[in-house]
Amino acid sequence: MALFKRRTTGKPGEWFYCLEHKTVEEGPQCPSKDRFGPYASRAEAQHAMETARERNLEWENDPKWHDKGGSAGTPQS
């Protein structure tokens, strides 16, 4: 018996943004590697790329991320 069952269908009301097709989907229709979500509404899923851009800017400008004065991902000596 498998410990984890792979969920192939979404719950009603779960919305995803497919990065491959650049479309909004109700329920996970595309592989997880190609989608953002789940979102609570279709409108949230439609703005997934905008939300991701905004969060990336916040993280890039977060002083805790750049706590050693270098750029993110660059080791400091």
PDB file of N, CA and C in Angstrom:
ATOM      1  N   MET A   1       0.841  -1.176   0.000  1.00  0.00           N
ATOM      2  CA  MET A   1       0.000   0.000   0.000  1.00  0.00           C
ATOM      3  C   MET A   1       0.891   1.246   0.000  1.00  0.00           C
ATOM      4  N   ALA A   2       0.584   2.182  -0.859  1.00  0.00           N
ATOM      5  CA  ALA A   2       1.357   3.410  -0.955  1.00  0.00           C
ATOM      6  C   ALA A   2       1.071   4.308   0.245  1.00  0.00           C
ATOM      7  N   LEU A   3       2.127   4.968   0.722  1.00  0.00           N
ATOM      8  CA  LEU A   3       1.954   5.897   1.835  1.00  0.00           C
ATOM      9  C   LEU A   3       1.268   7.176   1.387  1.00  0.00           C
ATOM     10  N   PHE A   4       1.579   7.591   0.179  1.00  0.00           N
ATOM     11  CA  PHE A   4       1.012   8.829  -0.339  1.00  0.00           C
ATOM     12  C   PHE A   4       0.304   8.541  -1.644  1.00  0.00           C
ATOM     13  N   LYS A   5      -0.897   9.040  -1.757  1.00  0.00           N
ATOM     14  CA  LYS A   5      -1.627   8.878  -3.012  1.00  0.00           C
ATOM     15  C   LYS A   5      -1.432  10.136  -3.839  1.00  0.00           C
ATOM     16  N   ARG A   6      -1.142   9.947  -5.097  1.00  0.00           N
ATOM     17  CA  ARG A   6      -0.994  11.083  -5.999  1.00  0.00           C
ATOM     18  C   ARG A   6      -2.382  11.593  -6.358  1.00  0.00           C
ATOM     19  N   ARG A   7      -2.596  12.848  -6.086  1.00  0.00           N
ATOM     20  CA  ARG A   7      -3.891  13.451  -6.379  1.00  0.00           C
ATOM     21  C   ARG A   7      -3.906  13.872  -7.839  1.00  0.00           C
ATOM     22  N   THR A   8      -4.822  13.353  -8.602  1.00  0.00           N
ATOM     23  CA  THR A   8      -4.868  13.656 -10.028  1.00  0.00           C
ATOM     24  C   THR A   8      -5.938  14.680 -10.368  1.00  0.00           C
ATOM     25  N   THR A   9      -6.878  14.901  -9.470  1.00  0.00           N
ATOM     26  CA  THR A   9      -7.911  15.894  -9.718  1.00  0.00           C
ATOM     27  C   THR A   9      -7.918  16.894  -8.577  1.00  0.00           C
ATOM     28  N   GLY A  10      -8.321  18.080  -8.890  1.00  0.00           N
ATOM     29  CA  GLY A  10      -8.347  19.125  -7.879  1.00  0.00           C
ATOM     30  C   GLY A  10      -9.661  19.156  -7.132  1.00  0.00           C
ATOM     31  N   LYS A  11      -9.637  19.890  -6.064  1.00  0.00           N
ATOM     32  CA  LYS A  11     -10.863  20.128  -5.301  1.00  0.00           C
ATOM     33  C   LYS A  11     -11.633  21.244  -6.002  1.00  0.00           C
ATOM     34  N   PRO A  12     -12.941  21.214  -5.936  1.00  0.00           N
ATOM     35  CA  PRO A  12     -13.705  22.322  -6.514  1.00  0.00           C
ATOM     36  C   PRO A  12     -13.282  23.638  -5.871  1.00  0.00           C
ATOM     37  N   GLY A  13     -13.078  24.637  -6.691  1.00  0.00           N
ATOM     38  CA  GLY A  13     -12.694  25.942  -6.187  1.00  0.00           C
ATOM     39  C   GLY A  13     -11.195  26.165  -6.081  1.00  0.00           C
ATOM     40  N   GLU A  14     -10.372  25.164  -6.414  1.00  0.00           N
ATOM     41  CA  GLU A  14      -8.921  25.355  -6.445  1.00  0.00           C
ATOM     42  C   GLU A  14      -8.520  25.821  -7.845  1.00  0.00           C
ATOM     43  N   TRP A  15      -7.770  26.889  -7.888  1.00  0.00           N
ATOM     44  CA  TRP A  15      -7.355  27.459  -9.175  1.00  0.00           C
ATOM     45  C   TRP A  15      -5.839  27.456  -9.267  1.00  0.00           C
ATOM     46  N   PHE A  16      -5.332  27.230 -10.461  1.00  0.00           N
ATOM     47  CA  PHE A  16      -3.898  27.171 -10.719  1.00  0.00           C
ATOM     48  C   PHE A  16      -3.569  28.014 -11.940  1.00  0.00           C
ATOM     49  N   TYR A  17      -2.315  28.470 -12.005  1.00  0.00           N
ATOM     50  CA  TYR A  17      -1.828  29.157 -13.193  1.00  0.00           C
ATOM     51  C   TYR A  17      -0.788  28.263 -13.838  1.00  0.00           C
ATOM     52  N   CYS A  18      -1.025  27.856 -15.091  1.00  0.00           N
ATOM     53  CA  CYS A  18      -0.100  26.985 -15.812  1.00  0.00           C
ATOM     54  C   CYS A  18       0.969  27.838 -16.487  1.00  0.00           C
ATOM     55  N   LEU A  19       2.222  27.600 -16.119  1.00  0.00           N
ATOM     56  CA  LEU A  19       3.346  28.347 -16.675  1.00  0.00           C
ATOM     57  C   LEU A  19       3.625  27.946 -18.127  1.00  0.00           C
ATOM     58  N   GLU A  20       3.324  26.723 -18.469  1.00  0.00           N
ATOM     59  CA  GLU A  20       3.566  26.213 -19.828  1.00  0.00           C
ATOM     60  C   GLU A  20       2.576  26.807 -20.829  1.00  0.00           C
ATOM     61  N   HIS A  21       1.294  26.769 -20.476  1.00  0.00           N
ATOM     62  CA  HIS A  21       0.250  27.220 -21.387  1.00  0.00           C
ATOM     63  C   HIS A  21      -0.180  28.666 -21.152  1.00  0.00           C
ATOM     64  N   LYS A  22       0.304  29.243 -20.030  1.00  0.00           N
ATOM     65  CA  LYS A  22      -0.053  30.618 -19.650  1.00  0.00           C
ATOM     66  C   LYS A  22      -1.575  30.791 -19.553  1.00  0.00           C
ATOM     67  N   THR A  23      -2.186  29.817 -18.875  1.00  0.00           N
ATOM     68  CA  THR A  23      -3.636  29.839 -18.699  1.00  0.00           C
ATOM     69  C   THR A  23      -3.993  29.528 -17.254  1.00  0.00           C
ATOM     70  N   VAL A  24      -5.213  29.869 -16.893  1.00  0.00           N
ATOM     71  CA  VAL A  24      -5.755  29.555 -15.570  1.00  0.00           C
ATOM     72  C   VAL A  24      -6.526  28.247 -15.694  1.00  0.00           C
ATOM     73  N   GLU A  25      -6.327  27.364 -14.711  1.00  0.00           N
ATOM     74  CA  GLU A  25      -6.995  26.060 -14.716  1.00  0.00           C
ATOM     75  C   GLU A  25      -7.733  25.858 -13.402  1.00  0.00           C
ATOM     76  N   GLU A  26      -8.892  25.264 -13.478  1.00  0.00           N
ATOM     77  CA  GLU A  26      -9.572  24.863 -12.247  1.00  0.00           C
ATOM     78  C   GLU A  26      -9.163  23.426 -11.967  1.00  0.00           C
ATOM     79  N   GLY A  27      -8.533  23.235 -10.843  1.00  0.00           N
ATOM     80  CA  GLY A  27      -7.984  21.915 -10.525  1.00  0.00           C
ATOM     81  C   GLY A  27      -6.637  21.746 -11.220  1.00  0.00           C
ATOM     82  N   PRO A  28      -5.777  20.884 -10.688  1.00  0.00           N
ATOM     83  CA  PRO A  28      -4.461  20.702 -11.295  1.00  0.00           C
ATOM     84  C   PRO A  28      -4.557  19.859 -12.569  1.00  0.00           C
ATOM     85  N   GLN A  29      -4.483  20.507 -13.707  1.00  0.00           N
ATOM     86  CA  GLN A  29      -4.559  19.800 -14.979  1.00  0.00           C
ATOM     87  C   GLN A  29      -3.173  19.521 -15.546  1.00  0.00           C
ATOM     88  N   CYS A  30      -2.233  20.402 -15.292  1.00  0.00           N
ATOM     89  CA  CYS A  30      -0.867  20.239 -15.782  1.00  0.00           C
ATOM     90  C   CYS A  30       0.031  19.766 -14.633  1.00  0.00           C
ATOM     91  N   PRO A  31       1.213  19.225 -14.949  1.00  0.00           N
ATOM     92  CA  PRO A  31       2.124  18.758 -13.892  1.00  0.00           C
ATOM     93  C   PRO A  31       2.501  19.881 -12.935  1.00  0.00           C
ATOM     94  N   SER A  32       2.786  19.514 -11.695  1.00  0.00           N
ATOM     95  CA  SER A  32       3.081  20.511 -10.666  1.00  0.00           C
ATOM     96  C   SER A  32       4.306  21.355 -11.013  1.00  0.00           C
ATOM     97  N   LYS A  33       5.244  20.816 -11.766  1.00  0.00           N
ATOM     98  CA  LYS A  33       6.440  21.581 -12.145  1.00  0.00           C
ATOM     99  C   LYS A  33       6.099  22.734 -13.081  1.00  0.00           C
ATOM    100  N   ASP A  34       4.910  22.713 -13.668  1.00  0.00           N
ATOM    101  CA  ASP A  34       4.512  23.730 -14.638  1.00  0.00           C
ATOM    102  C   ASP A  34       3.414  24.660 -14.133  1.00  0.00           C
ATOM    103  N   ARG A  35       3.185  24.700 -12.823  1.00  0.00           N
ATOM    104  CA  ARG A  35       2.066  25.525 -12.370  1.00  0.00           C
ATOM    105  C   ARG A  35       2.346  26.200 -11.026  1.00  0.00           C
ATOM    106  N   PHE A  36       1.626  27.303 -10.806  1.00  0.00           N
ATOM    107  CA  PHE A  36       1.576  27.984  -9.520  1.00  0.00           C
ATOM    108  C   PHE A  36       0.204  27.711  -8.940  1.00  0.00           C
ATOM    109  N   GLY A  37       0.126  27.602  -7.616  1.00  0.00           N
ATOM    110  CA  GLY A  37      -1.168  27.430  -6.993  1.00  0.00           C
ATOM    111  C   GLY A  37      -1.122  26.377  -5.918  1.00  0.00           C
ATOM    112  N   PRO A  38      -2.211  26.118  -5.283  1.00  0.00           N
ATOM    113  CA  PRO A  38      -3.565  26.555  -5.618  1.00  0.00           C
ATOM    114  C   PRO A  38      -3.876  27.950  -5.096  1.00  0.00           C
ATOM    115  N   TYR A  39      -4.792  28.589  -5.786  1.00  0.00           N
ATOM    116  CA  TYR A  39      -5.310  29.892  -5.402  1.00  0.00           C
ATOM    117  C   TYR A  39      -6.784  29.726  -5.042  1.00  0.00           C
ATOM    118  N   ALA A  40      -7.288  30.632  -4.230  1.00  0.00           N
ATOM    119  CA  ALA A  40      -8.672  30.548  -3.759  1.00  0.00           C
ATOM    120  C   ALA A  40      -9.672  30.996  -4.812  1.00  0.00           C
ATOM    121  N   SER A  41      -9.233  31.803  -5.779  1.00  0.00           N
ATOM    122  CA  SER A  41     -10.165  32.299  -6.792  1.00  0.00           C
ATOM    123  C   SER A  41      -9.493  32.347  -8.162  1.00  0.00           C
ATOM    124  N   ARG A  42     -10.319  32.405  -9.174  1.00  0.00           N
ATOM    125  CA  ARG A  42      -9.822  32.515 -10.540  1.00  0.00           C
ATOM    126  C   ARG A  42      -9.024  33.815 -10.714  1.00  0.00           C
ATOM    127  N   ALA A  43      -9.518  34.900 -10.109  1.00  0.00           N
ATOM    128  CA  ALA A  43      -8.847  36.201 -10.224  1.00  0.00           C
ATOM    129  C   ALA A  43      -7.433  36.151  -9.643  1.00  0.00           C
ATOM    130  N   GLU A  44      -7.267  35.488  -8.492  1.00  0.00           N
ATOM    131  CA  GLU A  44      -5.934  35.351  -7.898  1.00  0.00           C
ATOM    132  C   GLU A  44      -5.008  34.586  -8.834  1.00  0.00           C
ATOM    133  N   ALA A  45      -5.505  33.518  -9.427  1.00  0.00           N
ATOM    134  CA  ALA A  45      -4.689  32.720 -10.350  1.00  0.00           C
ATOM    135  C   ALA A  45      -4.328  33.525 -11.590  1.00  0.00           C
ATOM    136  N   GLN A  46      -5.224  34.376 -12.066  1.00  0.00           N
ATOM    137  CA  GLN A  46      -4.951  35.197 -13.241  1.00  0.00           C
ATOM    138  C   GLN A  46      -3.810  36.181 -12.984  1.00  0.00           C
ATOM    139  N   HIS A  47      -3.626  36.577 -11.735  1.00  0.00           N
ATOM    140  CA  HIS A  47      -2.576  37.535 -11.385  1.00  0.00           C
ATOM    141  C   HIS A  47      -1.342  36.849 -10.789  1.00  0.00           C
ATOM    142  N   ALA A  48      -1.190  35.558 -11.014  1.00  0.00           N
ATOM    143  CA  ALA A  48      -0.093  34.796 -10.411  1.00  0.00           C
ATOM    144  C   ALA A  48       1.278  35.337 -10.797  1.00  0.00           C
ATOM    145  N   MET A  49       1.475  35.680 -12.055  1.00  0.00           N
ATOM    146  CA  MET A  49       2.790  36.164 -12.490  1.00  0.00           C
ATOM    147  C   MET A  49       3.085  37.537 -11.892  1.00  0.00           C
ATOM    148  N   GLU A  50       2.091  38.381 -11.812  1.00  0.00           N
ATOM    149  CA  GLU A  50       2.264  39.705 -11.197  1.00  0.00           C
ATOM    150  C   GLU A  50       2.604  39.555  -9.711  1.00  0.00           C
ATOM    151  N   THR A  51       1.903  38.656  -9.033  1.00  0.00           N
ATOM    152  CA  THR A  51       2.169  38.394  -7.616  1.00  0.00           C
ATOM    153  C   THR A  51       3.587  37.878  -7.432  1.00  0.00           C
ATOM    154  N   ALA A  52       4.034  36.985  -8.304  1.00  0.00           N
ATOM    155  CA  ALA A  52       5.389  36.440  -8.214  1.00  0.00           C
ATOM    156  C   ALA A  52       6.434  37.544  -8.422  1.00  0.00           C
ATOM    157  N   ARG A  53       6.209  38.430  -9.392  1.00  0.00           N
ATOM    158  CA  ARG A  53       7.141  39.550  -9.624  1.00  0.00           C
ATOM    159  C   ARG A  53       7.233  40.451  -8.398  1.00  0.00           C
ATOM    160  N   GLU A  54       6.085  40.769  -7.809  1.00  0.00           N
ATOM    161  CA  GLU A  54       6.063  41.627  -6.619  1.00  0.00           C
ATOM    162  C   GLU A  54       6.803  40.972  -5.456  1.00  0.00           C
ATOM    163  N   ARG A  55       6.581  39.683  -5.251  1.00  0.00           N
ATOM    164  CA  ARG A  55       7.262  38.978  -4.155  1.00  0.00           C
ATOM    165  C   ARG A  55       8.761  38.897  -4.401  1.00  0.00           C
ATOM    166  N   ASN A  56       9.157  38.677  -5.645  1.00  0.00           N
ATOM    167  CA  ASN A  56      10.587  38.640  -5.954  1.00  0.00           C
ATOM    168  C   ASN A  56      11.253  39.979  -5.646  1.00  0.00           C
ATOM    169  N   LEU A  57      10.595  41.076  -5.985  1.00  0.00           N
ATOM    170  CA  LEU A  57      11.142  42.404  -5.672  1.00  0.00           C
ATOM    171  C   LEU A  57      11.252  42.611  -4.165  1.00  0.00           C
ATOM    172  N   GLU A  58      10.229  42.169  -3.430  1.00  0.00           N
ATOM    173  CA  GLU A  58      10.275  42.293  -1.972  1.00  0.00           C
ATOM    174  C   GLU A  58      11.452  41.513  -1.400  1.00  0.00           C
ATOM    175  N   TRP A  59      11.662  40.294  -1.889  1.00  0.00           N
ATOM    176  CA  TRP A  59      12.752  39.455  -1.385  1.00  0.00           C
ATOM    177  C   TRP A  59      14.109  40.041  -1.768  1.00  0.00           C
ATOM    178  N   GLU A  60      14.221  40.578  -2.975  1.00  0.00           N
ATOM    179  CA  GLU A  60      15.494  41.167  -3.404  1.00  0.00           C
ATOM    180  C   GLU A  60      15.856  42.395  -2.579  1.00  0.00           C
ATOM    181  N   ASN A  61      14.849  43.096  -2.085  1.00  0.00           N
ATOM    182  CA  ASN A  61      15.079  44.304  -1.299  1.00  0.00           C
ATOM    183  C   ASN A  61      14.975  44.075   0.207  1.00  0.00           C
ATOM    184  N   ASP A  62      14.840  42.841   0.629  1.00  0.00           N
ATOM    185  CA  ASP A  62      14.721  42.509   2.042  1.00  0.00           C
ATOM    186  C   ASP A  62      16.102  42.562   2.699  1.00  0.00           C
ATOM    187  N   PRO A  63      16.304  43.437   3.686  1.00  0.00           N
ATOM    188  CA  PRO A  63      17.619  43.539   4.323  1.00  0.00           C
ATOM    189  C   PRO A  63      18.047  42.253   5.023  1.00  0.00           C
ATOM    190  N   LYS A  64      17.110  41.432   5.461  1.00  0.00           N
ATOM    191  CA  LYS A  64      17.470  40.153   6.085  1.00  0.00           C
ATOM    192  C   LYS A  64      18.090  39.195   5.071  1.00  0.00           C
ATOM    193  N   TRP A  65      17.677  39.305   3.815  1.00  0.00           N
ATOM    194  CA  TRP A  65      18.215  38.441   2.763  1.00  0.00           C
ATOM    195  C   TRP A  65      19.647  38.858   2.435  1.00  0.00           C
ATOM    196  N   HIS A  66      19.921  40.140   2.519  1.00  0.00           N
ATOM    197  CA  HIS A  66      21.245  40.684   2.195  1.00  0.00           C
ATOM    198  C   HIS A  66      21.970  41.099   3.479  1.00  0.00           C
ATOM    199  N   ASP A  67      21.904  40.268   4.491  1.00  0.00           N
ATOM    200  CA  ASP A  67      22.419  40.639   5.799  1.00  0.00           C
ATOM    201  C   ASP A  67      23.935  40.801   5.863  1.00  0.00           C
ATOM    202  N   LYS A  68      24.683  40.287   4.867  1.00  0.00           N
ATOM    203  CA  LYS A  68      26.140  40.418   4.911  1.00  0.00           C
ATOM    204  C   LYS A  68      26.660  41.408   3.885  1.00  0.00           C
ATOM    205  N   GLY A  69      25.758  42.161   3.266  1.00  0.00           N
ATOM    206  CA  GLY A  69      26.184  43.205   2.353  1.00  0.00           C
ATOM    207  C   GLY A  69      26.437  42.739   0.945  1.00  0.00           C
ATOM    208  N   GLY A  70      26.344  41.461   0.652  1.00  0.00           N
ATOM    209  CA  GLY A  70      26.561  40.951  -0.694  1.00  0.00           C
ATOM    210  C   GLY A  70      25.230  40.703  -1.372  1.00  0.00           C
ATOM    211  N   SER A  71      25.298  40.226  -2.602  1.00  0.00           N
ATOM    212  CA  SER A  71      24.063  39.904  -3.286  1.00  0.00           C
ATOM    213  C   SER A  71      23.603  38.503  -2.894  1.00  0.00           C
ATOM    214  N   ALA A  72      22.317  38.250  -3.071  1.00  0.00           N
ATOM    215  CA  ALA A  72      21.747  36.961  -2.671  1.00  0.00           C
ATOM    216  C   ALA A  72      22.397  35.844  -3.452  1.00  0.00           C
ATOM    217  N   GLY A  73      22.720  34.777  -2.768  1.00  0.00           N
ATOM    218  CA  GLY A  73      23.292  33.611  -3.413  1.00  0.00           C
ATOM    219  C   GLY A  73      24.798  33.680  -3.592  1.00  0.00           C
ATOM    220  N   THR A  74      25.404  34.817  -3.274  1.00  0.00           N
ATOM    221  CA  THR A  74      26.841  34.957  -3.423  1.00  0.00           C
ATOM    222  C   THR A  74      27.489  34.773  -2.061  1.00  0.00           C
ATOM    223  N   PRO A  75      28.356  33.752  -1.912  1.00  0.00           N
ATOM    224  CA  PRO A  75      28.999  33.536  -0.613  1.00  0.00           C
ATOM    225  C   PRO A  75      29.924  34.695  -0.255  1.00  0.00           C
ATOM    226  N   GLN A  76      29.951  35.036   1.005  1.00  0.00           N
ATOM    227  CA  GLN A  76      30.819  36.106   1.491  1.00  0.00           C
ATOM    228  C   GLN A  76      32.030  35.511   2.185  1.00  0.00           C
ATOM    229  N   SER A  77      33.179  36.140   2.042  1.00  0.00           N
ATOM    230  CA  SER A  77      34.387  35.631   2.709  1.00  0.00           C
ATOM    231  C   SER A  77      34.759  36.467   3.914  1.00  0.00           C
TER     232      SER A  77
END
